[in-house]
């Protein structure tokens, strides 16, 4: 569960992180054509010209940063980025609930901190 949340958050950061902190161009997953949860969510909801424009950018290594930014905007409009953020946070919370079966200890505290870090990290 924590691993899935970590991956969703990682994909979210690819679109929403500060590029200087991220260490790579924002939206590189879009240019690489990665079918992340957000991309699939957006493809199910986008229609007409917006879906066409999104599809022209997805997997297009020659796409401009403006086109990538527009694709991210489309994903924001249909709630794909918000959905992914919430789901990653939900996975973190569920992971913490599962850790509650462990006795109070330094090890449990570390695991809880790691779980929180997963959805608070900026890169």
N, C-alpha and C. Protein backbone atom coordinates (compact mmCIF):
# COMPACT_ATOMS: atom_id res chain seq x y z
N UNK A 1 0.83 -1.18 0.00
CA UNK A 1 0.00 0.00 0.00
C UNK A 1 0.88 1.26 0.00
N UNK A 2 1.88 1.26 0.84
CA UNK A 2 2.78 2.42 0.92
C UNK A 2 3.53 2.60 -0.39
N UNK A 3 3.93 1.49 -1.01
CA UNK A 3 4.64 1.56 -2.28
C UNK A 3 3.79 2.18 -3.38
N UNK A 4 2.50 1.83 -3.42
CA UNK A 4 1.61 2.41 -4.43
C UNK A 4 1.45 3.91 -4.19
N UNK A 5 1.27 4.27 -2.94
CA UNK A 5 1.14 5.70 -2.61
C UNK A 5 2.40 6.46 -2.96
N UNK A 6 3.55 5.85 -2.70
CA UNK A 6 4.83 6.49 -3.04
C UNK A 6 4.92 6.75 -4.54
N UNK A 7 4.55 5.76 -5.35
CA UNK A 7 4.65 5.90 -6.81
C UNK A 7 3.67 6.96 -7.32
N UNK A 8 2.47 6.97 -6.79
CA UNK A 8 1.49 7.98 -7.21
C UNK A 8 2.01 9.37 -6.86
N UNK A 9 2.59 9.52 -5.66
CA UNK A 9 3.14 10.81 -5.26
C UNK A 9 4.31 11.21 -6.16
N UNK A 10 5.13 10.24 -6.51
CA UNK A 10 6.26 10.51 -7.40
C UNK A 10 5.77 11.02 -8.76
N UNK A 11 4.73 10.39 -9.27
CA UNK A 11 4.14 10.84 -10.55
C UNK A 11 3.52 12.22 -10.40
N UNK A 12 2.90 12.47 -9.27
CA UNK A 12 2.31 13.79 -8.99
C UNK A 12 3.41 14.86 -8.97
N UNK A 13 4.52 14.56 -8.31
CA UNK A 13 5.62 15.52 -8.25
C UNK A 13 6.17 15.84 -9.63
N UNK A 14 6.13 14.87 -10.54
CA UNK A 14 6.61 15.11 -11.90
C UNK A 14 5.84 16.25 -12.56
N UNK A 15 4.61 16.45 -12.14
CA UNK A 15 3.78 17.51 -12.72
C UNK A 15 3.70 18.77 -11.86
N UNK A 16 3.89 18.63 -10.56
CA UNK A 16 3.60 19.74 -9.66
C UNK A 16 4.77 20.26 -8.84
N UNK A 17 5.90 19.59 -8.89
CA UNK A 17 7.04 20.02 -8.07
C UNK A 17 7.74 21.23 -8.69
N UNK A 18 8.50 21.90 -7.87
CA UNK A 18 9.37 22.97 -8.34
C UNK A 18 10.47 22.32 -9.16
N UNK A 19 10.63 22.76 -10.39
CA UNK A 19 11.58 22.15 -11.30
C UNK A 19 13.01 22.16 -10.75
N UNK A 20 13.39 23.23 -10.06
CA UNK A 20 14.74 23.30 -9.49
C UNK A 20 14.94 22.23 -8.43
N UNK A 21 13.92 21.96 -7.63
CA UNK A 21 14.01 20.92 -6.61
C UNK A 21 13.92 19.52 -7.23
N UNK A 22 13.08 19.40 -8.24
CA UNK A 22 12.84 18.10 -8.87
C UNK A 22 14.09 17.59 -9.57
N UNK A 23 14.86 18.49 -10.15
CA UNK A 23 16.09 18.10 -10.83
C UNK A 23 15.88 17.62 -12.25
N UNK A 24 14.69 17.77 -12.77
CA UNK A 24 14.38 17.44 -14.16
C UNK A 24 13.21 18.30 -14.58
N UNK A 25 12.98 18.43 -15.88
CA UNK A 25 11.87 19.27 -16.33
C UNK A 25 10.52 18.75 -15.84
N UNK A 26 9.69 19.65 -15.36
CA UNK A 26 8.33 19.29 -14.95
C UNK A 26 7.59 18.76 -16.17
N UNK A 27 6.88 17.66 -15.98
CA UNK A 27 6.09 17.09 -17.06
C UNK A 27 6.85 16.13 -17.95
N UNK A 28 8.04 15.72 -17.54
CA UNK A 28 8.81 14.82 -18.40
C UNK A 28 8.09 13.49 -18.60
N UNK A 29 7.29 13.06 -17.63
CA UNK A 29 6.52 11.82 -17.81
C UNK A 29 5.52 11.95 -18.96
N UNK A 30 4.98 13.15 -19.16
CA UNK A 30 4.04 13.37 -20.26
C UNK A 30 4.78 13.24 -21.59
N UNK A 31 5.93 13.90 -21.70
CA UNK A 31 6.71 13.81 -22.94
C UNK A 31 7.16 12.37 -23.20
N UNK A 32 7.39 11.62 -22.13
CA UNK A 32 7.82 10.23 -22.27
C UNK A 32 6.64 9.27 -22.50
N UNK A 33 5.43 9.80 -22.43
CA UNK A 33 4.25 8.98 -22.70
C UNK A 33 3.88 8.01 -21.60
N UNK A 34 4.33 8.27 -20.38
CA UNK A 34 4.03 7.36 -19.28
C UNK A 34 2.53 7.39 -18.95
N UNK A 35 1.95 6.23 -18.86
CA UNK A 35 0.51 6.11 -18.56
C UNK A 35 0.33 6.01 -17.04
N UNK A 36 0.52 7.12 -16.39
CA UNK A 36 0.36 7.18 -14.94
C UNK A 36 -1.12 7.18 -14.60
N UNK A 37 -1.41 7.04 -13.32
CA UNK A 37 -2.79 7.11 -12.85
C UNK A 37 -3.46 8.40 -13.32
N UNK A 38 -2.73 9.51 -13.25
CA UNK A 38 -3.31 10.80 -13.64
C UNK A 38 -3.61 10.85 -15.13
N UNK A 39 -2.74 10.29 -15.94
CA UNK A 39 -2.95 10.27 -17.39
C UNK A 39 -4.18 9.44 -17.72
N UNK A 40 -4.29 8.26 -17.13
CA UNK A 40 -5.44 7.40 -17.38
C UNK A 40 -6.72 8.10 -16.93
N UNK A 41 -6.68 8.71 -15.77
CA UNK A 41 -7.83 9.45 -15.23
C UNK A 41 -8.23 10.56 -16.20
N UNK A 42 -7.24 11.30 -16.68
CA UNK A 42 -7.53 12.41 -17.61
C UNK A 42 -8.10 11.89 -18.92
N UNK A 43 -7.53 10.83 -19.45
CA UNK A 43 -8.02 10.28 -20.72
C UNK A 43 -9.46 9.82 -20.63
N UNK A 44 -9.88 9.37 -19.46
CA UNK A 44 -11.26 8.95 -19.26
C UNK A 44 -12.21 10.14 -19.19
N UNK A 45 -11.69 11.33 -18.92
CA UNK A 45 -12.55 12.49 -18.67
C UNK A 45 -12.45 13.61 -19.72
N UNK A 46 -11.32 13.71 -20.37
CA UNK A 46 -11.15 14.76 -21.39
C UNK A 46 -12.00 14.44 -22.61
N UNK A 47 -12.47 15.50 -23.26
CA UNK A 47 -13.29 15.33 -24.46
C UNK A 47 -12.87 16.33 -25.53
N UNK A 48 -13.25 16.03 -26.75
CA UNK A 48 -13.09 16.96 -27.87
C UNK A 48 -11.68 17.42 -28.10
N UNK A 49 -11.57 18.73 -28.36
CA UNK A 49 -10.28 19.33 -28.69
C UNK A 49 -9.25 19.19 -27.57
N UNK A 50 -9.72 19.27 -26.33
CA UNK A 50 -8.77 19.14 -25.22
C UNK A 50 -8.15 17.76 -25.20
N UNK A 51 -8.95 16.74 -25.44
CA UNK A 51 -8.40 15.38 -25.48
C UNK A 51 -7.45 15.23 -26.66
N UNK A 52 -7.82 15.80 -27.81
CA UNK A 52 -6.94 15.74 -28.98
C UNK A 52 -5.60 16.41 -28.70
N UNK A 53 -5.63 17.60 -28.11
CA UNK A 53 -4.40 18.33 -27.79
C UNK A 53 -3.57 17.55 -26.77
N UNK A 54 -4.24 16.98 -25.79
CA UNK A 54 -3.55 16.19 -24.78
C UNK A 54 -2.83 15.01 -25.44
N UNK A 55 -3.53 14.33 -26.33
CA UNK A 55 -2.97 13.16 -27.00
C UNK A 55 -1.79 13.53 -27.91
N UNK A 56 -1.83 14.73 -28.49
CA UNK A 56 -0.71 15.18 -29.33
C UNK A 56 0.56 15.41 -28.50
N UNK A 57 0.37 15.78 -27.24
CA UNK A 57 1.51 16.06 -26.37
C UNK A 57 2.03 14.80 -25.70
N UNK A 58 1.13 13.90 -25.31
CA UNK A 58 1.49 12.68 -24.60
C UNK A 58 2.40 11.81 -25.47
N UNK A 59 3.61 11.59 -25.00
CA UNK A 59 4.57 10.76 -25.72
C UNK A 59 5.31 11.49 -26.82
N UNK A 60 5.13 12.80 -26.91
CA UNK A 60 5.79 13.60 -27.94
C UNK A 60 7.06 14.23 -27.36
N UNK A 61 8.20 13.64 -27.66
CA UNK A 61 9.48 14.15 -27.16
C UNK A 61 9.78 15.56 -27.66
N UNK A 62 9.14 15.96 -28.74
CA UNK A 62 9.38 17.30 -29.30
C UNK A 62 8.40 18.34 -28.77
N UNK A 63 7.50 17.94 -27.88
CA UNK A 63 6.52 18.88 -27.34
C UNK A 63 7.23 20.02 -26.62
N UNK A 64 6.72 21.22 -26.78
CA UNK A 64 7.28 22.38 -26.10
C UNK A 64 6.85 22.37 -24.63
N UNK A 65 7.56 23.13 -23.83
CA UNK A 65 7.17 23.22 -22.41
C UNK A 65 5.78 23.84 -22.30
N UNK A 66 5.45 24.74 -23.21
CA UNK A 66 4.11 25.33 -23.22
C UNK A 66 3.04 24.26 -23.46
N UNK A 67 3.30 23.35 -24.38
CA UNK A 67 2.35 22.26 -24.65
C UNK A 67 2.22 21.32 -23.46
N UNK A 68 3.34 21.04 -22.80
CA UNK A 68 3.31 20.19 -21.61
C UNK A 68 2.53 20.89 -20.50
N UNK A 69 2.78 22.17 -20.32
CA UNK A 69 2.06 22.95 -19.31
C UNK A 69 0.56 22.94 -19.60
N UNK A 70 0.19 23.04 -20.86
CA UNK A 70 -1.23 22.99 -21.24
C UNK A 70 -1.82 21.62 -20.93
N UNK A 71 -1.08 20.55 -21.19
CA UNK A 71 -1.55 19.20 -20.88
C UNK A 71 -1.78 19.05 -19.37
N UNK A 72 -0.87 19.59 -18.58
CA UNK A 72 -1.03 19.55 -17.12
C UNK A 72 -2.26 20.33 -16.71
N UNK A 73 -2.48 21.47 -17.35
CA UNK A 73 -3.66 22.28 -17.07
C UNK A 73 -4.94 21.51 -17.36
N UNK A 74 -4.96 20.77 -18.47
CA UNK A 74 -6.12 19.94 -18.79
C UNK A 74 -6.35 18.89 -17.70
N UNK A 75 -5.25 18.32 -17.20
CA UNK A 75 -5.36 17.32 -16.14
C UNK A 75 -5.90 17.94 -14.86
N UNK A 76 -5.48 19.18 -14.58
CA UNK A 76 -6.00 19.89 -13.42
C UNK A 76 -7.50 20.14 -13.58
N UNK A 77 -7.91 20.56 -14.78
CA UNK A 77 -9.31 20.90 -15.04
C UNK A 77 -10.26 19.73 -14.80
N UNK A 78 -9.83 18.53 -15.16
CA UNK A 78 -10.71 17.36 -14.98
C UNK A 78 -10.47 16.65 -13.65
N UNK A 79 -9.62 17.23 -12.81
CA UNK A 79 -9.42 16.72 -11.46
C UNK A 79 -8.43 15.58 -11.33
N UNK A 80 -7.66 15.32 -12.37
CA UNK A 80 -6.74 14.18 -12.34
C UNK A 80 -5.60 14.37 -11.34
N UNK A 81 -5.03 15.55 -11.29
CA UNK A 81 -3.91 15.78 -10.37
C UNK A 81 -4.40 15.79 -8.92
N UNK A 82 -5.54 16.39 -8.68
CA UNK A 82 -6.12 16.40 -7.34
C UNK A 82 -6.47 14.99 -6.88
N UNK A 83 -7.03 14.21 -7.79
CA UNK A 83 -7.38 12.82 -7.49
C UNK A 83 -6.14 12.03 -7.07
N UNK A 84 -5.06 12.18 -7.81
CA UNK A 84 -3.83 11.45 -7.49
C UNK A 84 -3.26 11.89 -6.15
N UNK A 85 -3.25 13.18 -5.90
CA UNK A 85 -2.73 13.70 -4.63
C UNK A 85 -3.52 13.13 -3.46
N UNK A 86 -4.84 13.17 -3.56
CA UNK A 86 -5.69 12.65 -2.49
C UNK A 86 -5.49 11.15 -2.30
N UNK A 87 -5.37 10.42 -3.40
CA UNK A 87 -5.19 8.98 -3.30
C UNK A 87 -3.85 8.63 -2.62
N UNK A 88 -2.80 9.34 -2.99
CA UNK A 88 -1.50 9.11 -2.35
C UNK A 88 -1.59 9.39 -0.85
N UNK A 89 -2.26 10.48 -0.50
CA UNK A 89 -2.43 10.82 0.92
C UNK A 89 -3.27 9.76 1.64
N UNK A 90 -4.31 9.25 0.97
CA UNK A 90 -5.14 8.19 1.55
C UNK A 90 -4.32 6.92 1.79
N UNK A 91 -3.47 6.57 0.82
CA UNK A 91 -2.62 5.40 1.00
C UNK A 91 -1.69 5.58 2.19
N UNK A 92 -1.17 6.77 2.36
CA UNK A 92 -0.30 7.04 3.50
C UNK A 92 -1.06 6.88 4.81
N UNK A 93 -2.27 7.41 4.87
CA UNK A 93 -3.08 7.29 6.08
C UNK A 93 -3.42 5.83 6.38
N UNK A 94 -3.79 5.08 5.35
CA UNK A 94 -4.11 3.66 5.55
C UNK A 94 -2.87 2.89 6.01
N UNK A 95 -1.72 3.26 5.48
CA UNK A 95 -0.48 2.62 5.90
C UNK A 95 -0.22 2.89 7.38
N UNK A 96 -0.47 4.12 7.80
CA UNK A 96 -0.28 4.47 9.21
C UNK A 96 -1.26 3.70 10.09
N UNK A 97 -2.47 3.53 9.62
CA UNK A 97 -3.45 2.74 10.38
C UNK A 97 -2.96 1.30 10.54
N UNK A 98 -2.41 0.75 9.49
CA UNK A 98 -1.90 -0.63 9.56
C UNK A 98 -0.73 -0.73 10.54
N UNK A 99 0.05 0.32 10.63
CA UNK A 99 1.18 0.31 11.58
C UNK A 99 0.71 0.36 13.04
N UNK A 100 -0.53 0.74 13.26
CA UNK A 100 -1.03 0.87 14.63
C UNK A 100 -1.09 -0.47 15.37
N UNK A 101 -1.01 -1.57 14.63
CA UNK A 101 -1.02 -2.89 15.30
C UNK A 101 0.33 -3.18 15.96
N UNK A 102 1.35 -2.45 15.57
CA UNK A 102 2.67 -2.65 16.17
C UNK A 102 2.72 -1.97 17.54
N UNK A 103 3.45 -2.55 18.45
CA UNK A 103 3.58 -1.89 19.76
C UNK A 103 4.36 -0.58 19.63
N UNK A 104 4.07 0.35 20.53
CA UNK A 104 4.80 1.62 20.56
C UNK A 104 6.29 1.31 20.68
N UNK A 105 7.05 1.89 19.76
CA UNK A 105 8.50 1.68 19.81
C UNK A 105 9.17 2.71 18.92
N UNK A 106 10.47 2.77 19.06
CA UNK A 106 11.27 3.67 18.21
C UNK A 106 11.12 3.26 16.74
N UNK A 107 11.06 1.97 16.49
CA UNK A 107 10.95 1.46 15.11
C UNK A 107 9.62 1.85 14.48
N UNK A 108 8.55 1.72 15.26
CA UNK A 108 7.23 2.13 14.76
C UNK A 108 7.22 3.63 14.48
N UNK A 109 7.81 4.41 15.34
CA UNK A 109 7.87 5.86 15.16
C UNK A 109 8.60 6.21 13.86
N UNK A 110 9.68 5.50 13.58
CA UNK A 110 10.43 5.73 12.35
C UNK A 110 9.57 5.39 11.14
N UNK A 111 8.87 4.28 11.19
CA UNK A 111 7.99 3.89 10.08
C UNK A 111 6.89 4.92 9.85
N UNK A 112 6.35 5.47 10.92
CA UNK A 112 5.33 6.51 10.79
C UNK A 112 5.91 7.78 10.15
N UNK A 113 7.13 8.12 10.53
CA UNK A 113 7.78 9.30 9.94
C UNK A 113 8.04 9.09 8.45
N UNK A 114 8.46 7.90 8.09
CA UNK A 114 8.69 7.59 6.68
C UNK A 114 7.39 7.70 5.90
N UNK A 115 6.32 7.21 6.48
CA UNK A 115 5.02 7.27 5.82
C UNK A 115 4.59 8.72 5.61
N UNK A 116 4.77 9.56 6.62
CA UNK A 116 4.43 10.98 6.46
C UNK A 116 5.31 11.64 5.41
N UNK A 117 6.59 11.32 5.44
CA UNK A 117 7.52 11.91 4.49
C UNK A 117 7.12 11.60 3.04
N UNK A 118 6.58 10.41 2.84
CA UNK A 118 6.22 9.97 1.49
C UNK A 118 5.35 11.00 0.78
N UNK A 119 4.40 11.59 1.48
CA UNK A 119 3.48 12.52 0.83
C UNK A 119 3.76 13.98 1.20
N UNK A 120 4.90 14.21 1.82
CA UNK A 120 5.29 15.59 2.12
C UNK A 120 6.55 16.00 1.39
N UNK A 121 7.22 15.03 0.80
CA UNK A 121 8.47 15.34 0.12
C UNK A 121 8.21 16.23 -1.10
N UNK A 122 9.19 17.01 -1.44
CA UNK A 122 9.06 17.98 -2.53
C UNK A 122 9.81 17.56 -3.78
N UNK A 123 10.58 16.47 -3.64
CA UNK A 123 11.32 15.96 -4.82
C UNK A 123 11.45 14.46 -4.75
